[in-house]
All heavy atoms as atom14 arrays in JSON, in Angstrom:
{
  "sequence": "DRELGRFLRGLRERGLYDRATIVFLAAHGEEFLDHGGWEHGP",
  "atom14_mask": [
    [1, 1, 1, 1, 1, 1, 1, 1, 0, 0, 0, 0, 0, 0],
    [1, 1, 1, 1, 1, 1, 1, 1, 1, 1, 1, 0, 0, 0],
    [1, 1, 1, 1, 1, 1, 1, 1, 1, 0, 0, 0, 0, 0],
    [1, 1, 1, 1, 1, 1, 1, 1, 0, 0, 0, 0, 0, 0],
    [1, 1, 1, 1, 0, 0, 0, 0, 0, 0, 0, 0, 0, 0],
    [1, 1, 1, 1, 1, 1, 1, 1, 1, 1, 1, 0, 0, 0],
    [1, 1, 1, 1, 1, 1, 1, 1, 1, 1, 1, 0, 0, 0],
    [1, 1, 1, 1, 1, 1, 1, 1, 0, 0, 0, 0, 0, 0],
    [1, 1, 1, 1, 1, 1, 1, 1, 1, 1, 1, 0, 0, 0],
    [1, 1, 1, 1, 0, 0, 0, 0, 0, 0, 0, 0, 0, 0],
    [1, 1, 1, 1, 1, 1, 1, 1, 0, 0, 0, 0, 0, 0],
    [1, 1, 1, 1, 1, 1, 1, 1, 1, 1, 1, 0, 0, 0],
    [1, 1, 1, 1, 1, 1, 1, 1, 1, 0, 0, 0, 0, 0],
    [1, 1, 1, 1, 1, 1, 1, 1, 1, 1, 1, 0, 0, 0],
    [1, 1, 1, 1, 0, 0, 0, 0, 0, 0, 0, 0, 0, 0],
    [1, 1, 1, 1, 1, 1, 1, 1, 0, 0, 0, 0, 0, 0],
    [1, 1, 1, 1, 1, 1, 1, 1, 1, 1, 1, 1, 0, 0],
    [1, 1, 1, 1, 1, 1, 1, 1, 0, 0, 0, 0, 0, 0],
    [1, 1, 1, 1, 1, 1, 1, 1, 1, 1, 1, 0, 0, 0],
    [1, 1, 1, 1, 1, 0, 0, 0, 0, 0, 0, 0, 0, 0],
    [1, 1, 1, 1, 1, 1, 1, 0, 0, 0, 0, 0, 0, 0],
    [1, 1, 1, 1, 1, 1, 1, 1, 0, 0, 0, 0, 0, 0],
    [1, 1, 1, 1, 1, 1, 1, 0, 0, 0, 0, 0, 0, 0],
    [1, 1, 1, 1, 1, 1, 1, 1, 1, 1, 1, 0, 0, 0],
    [1, 1, 1, 1, 1, 1, 1, 1, 0, 0, 0, 0, 0, 0],
    [1, 1, 1, 1, 1, 0, 0, 0, 0, 0, 0, 0, 0, 0],
    [1, 1, 1, 1, 1, 0, 0, 0, 0, 0, 0, 0, 0, 0],
    [1, 1, 1, 1, 1, 1, 1, 1, 1, 1, 0, 0, 0, 0],
    [1, 1, 1, 1, 0, 0, 0, 0, 0, 0, 0, 0, 0, 0],
    [1, 1, 1, 1, 1, 1, 1, 1, 1, 0, 0, 0, 0, 0],
    [1, 1, 1, 1, 1, 1, 1, 1, 1, 0, 0, 0, 0, 0],
    [1, 1, 1, 1, 1, 1, 1, 1, 1, 1, 1, 0, 0, 0],
    [1, 1, 1, 1, 1, 1, 1, 1, 0, 0, 0, 0, 0, 0],
    [1, 1, 1, 1, 1, 1, 1, 1, 0, 0, 0, 0, 0, 0],
    [1, 1, 1, 1, 1, 1, 1, 1, 1, 1, 0, 0, 0, 0],
    [1, 1, 1, 1, 0, 0, 0, 0, 0, 0, 0, 0, 0, 0],
    [1, 1, 1, 1, 0, 0, 0, 0, 0, 0, 0, 0, 0, 0],
    [1, 1, 1, 1, 1, 1, 1, 1, 1, 1, 1, 1, 1, 1],
    [1, 1, 1, 1, 1, 1, 1, 1, 1, 0, 0, 0, 0, 0],
    [1, 1, 1, 1, 1, 1, 1, 1, 1, 1, 0, 0, 0, 0],
    [1, 1, 1, 1, 0, 0, 0, 0, 0, 0, 0, 0, 0, 0],
    [1, 1, 1, 1, 1, 1, 1, 0, 0, 0, 0, 0, 0, 0]
  ],
  "atom14_positions": [
    [[15.7, -39.77, -5.98], [16.5, -38.84, -6.77], [16.15, -38.96, -8.26], [15.96, -37.94, -8.94], [17.99, -39.12, -6.54], [18.87, -38.11, -7.22], [18.67, -36.89, -7.01], [19.76, -38.52, -7.98], [0.0, 0.0, 0.0], [0.0, 0.0, 0.0], [0.0, 0.0, 0.0], [0.0, 0.0, 0.0], [0.0, 0.0, 0.0], [0.0, 0.0, 0.0]],
    [[16.04, -40.19, -8.74], [15.66, -40.4, -10.15], [14.27, -39.84, -10.44], [14.04, -39.2, -11.46], [15.7, -41.88, -10.51], [17.09, -42.42, -10.78], [17.06, -43.81, -11.4], [16.25, -44.77, -10.64], [16.69, -45.49, -9.6], [17.94, -45.38, -9.2], [15.89, -46.34, -8.99], [0.0, 0.0, 0.0], [0.0, 0.0, 0.0], [0.0, 0.0, 0.0]],
    [[13.33, -40.09, -9.54], [11.95, -39.62, -9.75], [11.86, -38.1, -9.69], [11.1, -37.5, -10.46], [11.0, -40.27, -8.74], [10.81, -41.75, -8.99], [10.27, -42.05, -10.37], [9.17, -41.56, -10.72], [10.94, -42.77, -11.13], [0.0, 0.0, 0.0], [0.0, 0.0, 0.0], [0.0, 0.0, 0.0], [0.0, 0.0, 0.0], [0.0, 0.0, 0.0]],
    [[12.62, -37.47, -8.8], [12.65, -36.02, -8.77], [13.21, -35.48, -10.08], [12.66, -34.53, -10.65], [13.49, -35.51, -7.59], [13.63, -34.0, -7.49], [12.26, -33.33, -7.31], [14.57, -33.62, -6.37], [0.0, 0.0, 0.0], [0.0, 0.0, 0.0], [0.0, 0.0, 0.0], [0.0, 0.0, 0.0], [0.0, 0.0, 0.0], [0.0, 0.0, 0.0]],
    [[14.26, -36.1, -10.59], [14.82, -35.7, -11.88], [13.8, -35.86, -13.0], [13.68, -34.99, -13.88], [0.0, 0.0, 0.0], [0.0, 0.0, 0.0], [0.0, 0.0, 0.0], [0.0, 0.0, 0.0], [0.0, 0.0, 0.0], [0.0, 0.0, 0.0], [0.0, 0.0, 0.0], [0.0, 0.0, 0.0], [0.0, 0.0, 0.0], [0.0, 0.0, 0.0]],
    [[13.05, -36.93, -12.96], [12.01, -37.17, -13.98], [10.92, -36.1, -13.88], [10.44, -35.58, -14.89], [11.42, -38.56, -13.78], [10.55, -39.02, -14.91], [10.23, -40.5, -14.75], [9.27, -40.72, -13.7], [8.02, -41.14, -13.89], [7.6, -41.39, -15.1], [7.21, -41.32, -12.88], [0.0, 0.0, 0.0], [0.0, 0.0, 0.0], [0.0, 0.0, 0.0]],
    [[10.53, -35.74, -12.67], [9.54, -34.69, -12.45], [10.03, -33.35, -12.99], [9.29, -32.64, -13.69], [9.23, -34.59, -10.95], [8.34, -33.45, -10.59], [6.99, -33.47, -10.92], [8.85, -32.36, -9.92], [6.16, -32.41, -10.59], [8.02, -31.3, -9.57], [6.68, -31.32, -9.91], [0.0, 0.0, 0.0], [0.0, 0.0, 0.0], [0.0, 0.0, 0.0]],
    [[11.28, -33.0, -12.67], [11.83, -31.73, -13.14], [11.94, -31.71, -14.66], [11.65, -30.67, -15.3], [13.19, -31.46, -12.49], [13.16, -31.26, -10.97], [14.57, -31.12, -10.43], [12.28, -30.1, -10.58], [0.0, 0.0, 0.0], [0.0, 0.0, 0.0], [0.0, 0.0, 0.0], [0.0, 0.0, 0.0], [0.0, 0.0, 0.0], [0.0, 0.0, 0.0]],
    [[12.34, -32.82, -15.27], [12.38, -32.9, -16.73], [10.99, -32.69, -17.33], [10.83, -32.02, -18.35], [12.96, -34.24, -17.19], [14.47, -34.29, -17.19], [15.02, -35.53, -17.9], [14.5, -36.77, -17.35], [14.93, -37.36, -16.23], [15.91, -36.81, -15.54], [14.4, -38.5, -15.81], [0.0, 0.0, 0.0], [0.0, 0.0, 0.0], [0.0, 0.0, 0.0]],
    [[9.99, -33.28, -16.69], [8.62, -33.12, -17.15], [8.17, -31.66, -17.1], [7.49, -31.19, -18.02], [0.0, 0.0, 0.0], [0.0, 0.0, 0.0], [0.0, 0.0, 0.0], [0.0, 0.0, 0.0], [0.0, 0.0, 0.0], [0.0, 0.0, 0.0], [0.0, 0.0, 0.0], [0.0, 0.0, 0.0], [0.0, 0.0, 0.0], [0.0, 0.0, 0.0]],
    [[8.55, -30.96, -16.05], [8.23, -29.53, -15.98], [8.9, -28.77, -17.12], [8.28, -27.9, -17.75], [8.67, -28.94, -14.64], [7.88, -29.36, -13.4], [8.5, -28.74, -12.16], [6.41, -28.97, -13.51], [0.0, 0.0, 0.0], [0.0, 0.0, 0.0], [0.0, 0.0, 0.0], [0.0, 0.0, 0.0], [0.0, 0.0, 0.0], [0.0, 0.0, 0.0]],
    [[10.17, -29.1, -17.38], [10.9, -28.41, -18.47], [10.25, -28.7, -19.81], [10.08, -27.8, -20.64], [12.36, -28.83, -18.47], [13.17, -28.22, -17.35], [14.66, -28.56, -17.49], [15.4, -28.04, -16.38], [15.81, -28.78, -15.33], [15.55, -30.08, -15.29], [16.47, -28.23, -14.34], [0.0, 0.0, 0.0], [0.0, 0.0, 0.0], [0.0, 0.0, 0.0]],
    [[9.93, -29.96, -20.05], [9.32, -30.36, -21.33], [7.99, -29.66, -21.56], [7.61, -29.39, -22.7], [9.12, -31.87, -21.36], [10.41, -32.65, -21.47], [10.23, -34.14, -21.18], [9.09, -34.58, -20.9], [11.25, -34.86, -21.24], [0.0, 0.0, 0.0], [0.0, 0.0, 0.0], [0.0, 0.0, 0.0], [0.0, 0.0, 0.0], [0.0, 0.0, 0.0]],
    [[7.27, -29.36, -20.51], [5.96, -28.71, -20.62], [6.06, -27.18, -20.54], [5.04, -26.49, -20.55], [5.04, -29.23, -19.52], [4.66, -30.67, -19.73], [4.03, -31.27, -18.48], [3.66, -32.65, -18.64], [4.48, -33.69, -18.58], [5.77, -33.5, -18.38], [4.04, -34.93, -18.74], [0.0, 0.0, 0.0], [0.0, 0.0, 0.0], [0.0, 0.0, 0.0]],
    [[7.28, -26.66, -20.44], [7.48, -25.22, -20.36], [7.05, -24.62, -19.03], [6.78, -23.42, -18.96], [0.0, 0.0, 0.0], [0.0, 0.0, 0.0], [0.0, 0.0, 0.0], [0.0, 0.0, 0.0], [0.0, 0.0, 0.0], [0.0, 0.0, 0.0], [0.0, 0.0, 0.0], [0.0, 0.0, 0.0], [0.0, 0.0, 0.0], [0.0, 0.0, 0.0]],
    [[6.99, -25.41, -17.99], [6.53, -24.95, -16.69], [7.65, -24.69, -15.69], [7.43, -24.06, -14.66], [5.55, -25.97, -16.08], [4.31, -26.27, -16.91], [3.55, -27.44, -16.31], [3.44, -25.04, -17.01], [0.0, 0.0, 0.0], [0.0, 0.0, 0.0], [0.0, 0.0, 0.0], [0.0, 0.0, 0.0], [0.0, 0.0, 0.0], [0.0, 0.0, 0.0]],
    [[8.83, -25.16, -15.99], [9.93, -25.12, -15.03], [10.29, -23.7, -14.61], [10.45, -23.41, -13.43], [11.15, -25.84, -15.59], [12.31, -25.89, -14.65], [12.39, -26.87, -13.67], [13.34, -24.95, -14.72], [13.45, -26.92, -12.78], [14.41, -24.99, -13.84], [14.46, -25.98, -12.88], [15.51, -26.02, -12.0], [0.0, 0.0, 0.0], [0.0, 0.0, 0.0]],
    [[10.42, -22.79, -15.58], [10.87, -21.43, -15.27], [9.86, -20.65, -14.43], [10.22, -19.68, -13.77], [11.18, -20.67, -16.55], [12.43, -21.2, -17.24], [13.29, -21.76, -16.54], [12.53, -21.06, -18.47], [0.0, 0.0, 0.0], [0.0, 0.0, 0.0], [0.0, 0.0, 0.0], [0.0, 0.0, 0.0], [0.0, 0.0, 0.0], [0.0, 0.0, 0.0]],
    [[8.59, -21.04, -14.44], [7.56, -20.35, -13.67], [7.22, -21.08, -12.37], [6.41, -20.6, -11.59], [6.29, -20.2, -14.51], [6.49, -19.27, -15.7], [5.23, -19.13, -16.52], [5.01, -20.38, -17.24], [3.82, -20.95, -17.42], [2.75, -20.4, -16.93], [3.71, -22.06, -18.1], [0.0, 0.0, 0.0], [0.0, 0.0, 0.0], [0.0, 0.0, 0.0]],
    [[7.84, -22.21, -12.15], [7.48, -23.04, -10.99], [8.29, -22.64, -9.75], [9.43, -22.22, -9.85], [7.74, -24.5, -11.3], [0.0, 0.0, 0.0], [0.0, 0.0, 0.0], [0.0, 0.0, 0.0], [0.0, 0.0, 0.0], [0.0, 0.0, 0.0], [0.0, 0.0, 0.0], [0.0, 0.0, 0.0], [0.0, 0.0, 0.0], [0.0, 0.0, 0.0]],
    [[7.66, -22.78, -8.61], [8.36, -22.72, -7.33], [8.43, -24.15, -6.83], [7.41, -24.79, -6.62], [7.61, -21.84, -6.31], [7.51, -20.52, -6.83], [8.33, -21.84, -4.98], [0.0, 0.0, 0.0], [0.0, 0.0, 0.0], [0.0, 0.0, 0.0], [0.0, 0.0, 0.0], [0.0, 0.0, 0.0], [0.0, 0.0, 0.0], [0.0, 0.0, 0.0]],
    [[9.62, -24.65, -6.68], [9.82, -26.05, -6.32], [10.39, -26.12, -4.91], [11.39, -25.48, -4.61], [10.76, -26.74, -7.33], [10.15, -26.64, -8.72], [11.02, -28.19, -6.93], [11.11, -26.9, -9.84], [0.0, 0.0, 0.0], [0.0, 0.0, 0.0], [0.0, 0.0, 0.0], [0.0, 0.0, 0.0], [0.0, 0.0, 0.0], [0.0, 0.0, 0.0]],
    [[9.75, -26.88, -4.06], [10.2, -27.07, -2.69], [10.41, -28.55, -2.47], [9.52, -29.36, -2.74], [9.16, -26.53, -1.68], [9.63, -26.77, -0.25], [8.88, -25.06, -1.93], [0.0, 0.0, 0.0], [0.0, 0.0, 0.0], [0.0, 0.0, 0.0], [0.0, 0.0, 0.0], [0.0, 0.0, 0.0], [0.0, 0.0, 0.0], [0.0, 0.0, 0.0]],
    [[11.58, -28.91, -2.02], [11.94, -30.31, -1.76], [12.32, -30.42, -0.29], [13.15, -29.68, 0.2], [13.12, -30.71, -2.65], [13.58, -32.12, -2.43], [12.88, -33.18, -2.98], [14.7, -32.37, -1.67], [13.31, -34.48, -2.76], [15.14, -33.66, -1.46], [14.44, -34.72, -2.01], [0.0, 0.0, 0.0], [0.0, 0.0, 0.0], [0.0, 0.0, 0.0]],
    [[11.66, -31.34, 0.41], [11.89, -31.5, 1.84], [11.91, -32.98, 2.2], [11.09, -33.75, 1.72], [10.76, -30.81, 2.61], [10.69, -31.0, 4.11], [11.87, -30.32, 4.78], [9.39, -30.46, 4.65], [0.0, 0.0, 0.0], [0.0, 0.0, 0.0], [0.0, 0.0, 0.0], [0.0, 0.0, 0.0], [0.0, 0.0, 0.0], [0.0, 0.0, 0.0]],
    [[12.83, -33.36, 3.05], [12.86, -34.72, 3.58], [12.2, -34.72, 4.95], [12.24, -33.72, 5.66], [14.3, -35.23, 3.69], [0.0, 0.0, 0.0], [0.0, 0.0, 0.0], [0.0, 0.0, 0.0], [0.0, 0.0, 0.0], [0.0, 0.0, 0.0], [0.0, 0.0, 0.0], [0.0, 0.0, 0.0], [0.0, 0.0, 0.0], [0.0, 0.0, 0.0]],
    [[11.6, -35.82, 5.32], [10.9, -35.91, 6.6], [11.87, -36.09, 7.76], [11.76, -35.44, 8.78], [9.9, -37.06, 6.57], [0.0, 0.0, 0.0], [0.0, 0.0, 0.0], [0.0, 0.0, 0.0], [0.0, 0.0, 0.0], [0.0, 0.0, 0.0], [0.0, 0.0, 0.0], [0.0, 0.0, 0.0], [0.0, 0.0, 0.0], [0.0, 0.0, 0.0]],
    [[12.81, -37.0, 7.63], [13.78, -37.28, 8.68], [14.87, -38.17, 8.11], [14.72, -38.73, 7.04], [13.12, -37.95, 9.89], [12.43, -39.24, 9.54], [13.1, -40.41, 9.32], [11.12, -39.5, 9.34], [12.23, -41.36, 9.01], [11.02, -40.83, 9.01], [0.0, 0.0, 0.0], [0.0, 0.0, 0.0], [0.0, 0.0, 0.0], [0.0, 0.0, 0.0]],
    [[15.93, -38.32, 8.84], [16.99, -39.22, 8.45], [16.9, -40.52, 9.22], [15.93, -40.78, 9.93], [0.0, 0.0, 0.0], [0.0, 0.0, 0.0], [0.0, 0.0, 0.0], [0.0, 0.0, 0.0], [0.0, 0.0, 0.0], [0.0, 0.0, 0.0], [0.0, 0.0, 0.0], [0.0, 0.0, 0.0], [0.0, 0.0, 0.0], [0.0, 0.0, 0.0]],
    [[17.89, -41.33, 9.04], [17.96, -42.62, 9.73], [19.3, -42.75, 10.43], [20.3, -42.21, 9.97], [17.81, -43.78, 8.74], [16.5, -43.81, 8.0], [15.32, -44.18, 8.88], [15.53, -44.75, 9.97], [14.18, -43.89, 8.49], [0.0, 0.0, 0.0], [0.0, 0.0, 0.0], [0.0, 0.0, 0.0], [0.0, 0.0, 0.0], [0.0, 0.0, 0.0]],
    [[19.31, -43.45, 11.51], [20.53, -43.73, 12.25], [20.79, -45.22, 12.14], [19.95, -46.03, 12.52], [20.37, -43.32, 13.71], [21.62, -43.52, 14.52], [21.43, -43.1, 15.97], [20.36, -42.62, 16.34], [22.39, -43.29, 16.73], [0.0, 0.0, 0.0], [0.0, 0.0, 0.0], [0.0, 0.0, 0.0], [0.0, 0.0, 0.0], [0.0, 0.0, 0.0]],
    [[21.91, -45.58, 11.59], [22.27, -46.99, 11.42], [23.44, -47.33, 12.35], [24.55, -47.56, 11.92], [22.62, -47.3, 9.97], [21.44, -47.15, 9.05], [21.41, -46.16, 8.09], [20.35, -48.0, 9.16], [20.33, -46.02, 7.24], [19.27, -47.87, 8.31], [19.25, -46.88, 7.35], [0.0, 0.0, 0.0], [0.0, 0.0, 0.0], [0.0, 0.0, 0.0]],
    [[23.17, -47.3, 13.64], [24.13, -47.62, 14.69], [25.28, -46.62, 14.77], [26.3, -46.9, 15.39], [24.67, -49.04, 14.52], [23.61, -50.14, 14.54], [24.24, -51.49, 14.24], [22.91, -50.18, 15.89], [0.0, 0.0, 0.0], [0.0, 0.0, 0.0], [0.0, 0.0, 0.0], [0.0, 0.0, 0.0], [0.0, 0.0, 0.0], [0.0, 0.0, 0.0]],
    [[25.1, -45.44, 14.18], [26.15, -44.43, 14.23], [26.47, -44.02, 15.66], [27.62, -43.73, 15.98], [25.74, -43.19, 13.43], [25.52, -43.5, 11.97], [26.33, -44.24, 11.39], [24.53, -43.01, 11.4], [0.0, 0.0, 0.0], [0.0, 0.0, 0.0], [0.0, 0.0, 0.0], [0.0, 0.0, 0.0], [0.0, 0.0, 0.0], [0.0, 0.0, 0.0]],
    [[25.48, -43.98, 16.51], [25.66, -43.62, 17.92], [25.03, -44.68, 18.82], [24.6, -44.39, 19.93], [25.02, -42.26, 18.2], [25.54, -41.17, 17.31], [26.74, -40.52, 17.54], [25.05, -40.64, 16.18], [26.94, -39.64, 16.59], [25.93, -39.69, 15.75], [0.0, 0.0, 0.0], [0.0, 0.0, 0.0], [0.0, 0.0, 0.0], [0.0, 0.0, 0.0]],
    [[24.92, -45.87, 18.3], [24.33, -46.96, 19.05], [22.84, -47.12, 18.84], [22.24, -48.09, 19.28], [0.0, 0.0, 0.0], [0.0, 0.0, 0.0], [0.0, 0.0, 0.0], [0.0, 0.0, 0.0], [0.0, 0.0, 0.0], [0.0, 0.0, 0.0], [0.0, 0.0, 0.0], [0.0, 0.0, 0.0], [0.0, 0.0, 0.0], [0.0, 0.0, 0.0]],
    [[22.23, -46.17, 18.14], [20.8, -46.24, 17.87], [20.51, -46.87, 16.52], [21.39, -47.05, 15.68], [0.0, 0.0, 0.0], [0.0, 0.0, 0.0], [0.0, 0.0, 0.0], [0.0, 0.0, 0.0], [0.0, 0.0, 0.0], [0.0, 0.0, 0.0], [0.0, 0.0, 0.0], [0.0, 0.0, 0.0], [0.0, 0.0, 0.0], [0.0, 0.0, 0.0]],
    [[19.25, -47.17, 16.34], [18.84, -47.85, 15.13], [17.64, -47.13, 14.51], [16.68, -46.8, 15.2], [18.48, -49.29, 15.47], [18.03, -50.1, 14.31], [16.78, -50.61, 14.12], [18.79, -50.51, 13.19], [16.73, -51.29, 12.94], [17.96, -51.25, 12.35], [20.11, -50.29, 12.8], [18.39, -51.79, 11.14], [20.54, -50.84, 11.6], [19.7, -51.58, 10.8]],
    [[17.71, -46.87, 13.21], [16.66, -46.21, 12.44], [16.36, -44.82, 12.99], [17.25, -44.09, 13.36], [15.42, -47.09, 12.35], [15.69, -48.38, 11.59], [14.49, -49.25, 11.45], [13.61, -49.23, 12.32], [14.42, -49.96, 10.44], [0.0, 0.0, 0.0], [0.0, 0.0, 0.0], [0.0, 0.0, 0.0], [0.0, 0.0, 0.0], [0.0, 0.0, 0.0]],
    [[15.1, -44.41, 13.04], [14.78, -43.07, 13.55], [14.08, -43.21, 14.9], [12.91, -43.48, 15.0], [13.96, -42.25, 12.56], [12.72, -42.9, 12.06], [12.73, -43.8, 11.02], [11.45, -42.8, 12.45], [11.5, -44.22, 10.81], [10.7, -43.63, 11.65], [0.0, 0.0, 0.0], [0.0, 0.0, 0.0], [0.0, 0.0, 0.0], [0.0, 0.0, 0.0]],
    [[14.9, -43.05, 15.92], [14.43, -43.21, 17.28], [14.34, -41.89, 18.0], [14.17, -40.83, 17.4], [0.0, 0.0, 0.0], [0.0, 0.0, 0.0], [0.0, 0.0, 0.0], [0.0, 0.0, 0.0], [0.0, 0.0, 0.0], [0.0, 0.0, 0.0], [0.0, 0.0, 0.0], [0.0, 0.0, 0.0], [0.0, 0.0, 0.0], [0.0, 0.0, 0.0]],
    [[14.53, -41.9, 19.3], [14.32, -40.71, 20.12], [15.54, -39.79, 20.24], [15.5, -38.85, 21.03], [13.96, -41.3, 21.48], [14.74, -42.58, 21.53], [14.72, -43.1, 20.12], [0.0, 0.0, 0.0], [0.0, 0.0, 0.0], [0.0, 0.0, 0.0], [0.0, 0.0, 0.0], [0.0, 0.0, 0.0], [0.0, 0.0, 0.0], [0.0, 0.0, 0.0]]
  ]
}
């Protein structure tokens, strides 16, 4: 989150933010025994 904020600030400082198309995607989540599973399983 901090690094994404730093990246976006950098775009603004360089005058690129308003012309940029920014796509943010996560690969997967994690399960920490919420349903008996651990990490990212099946």
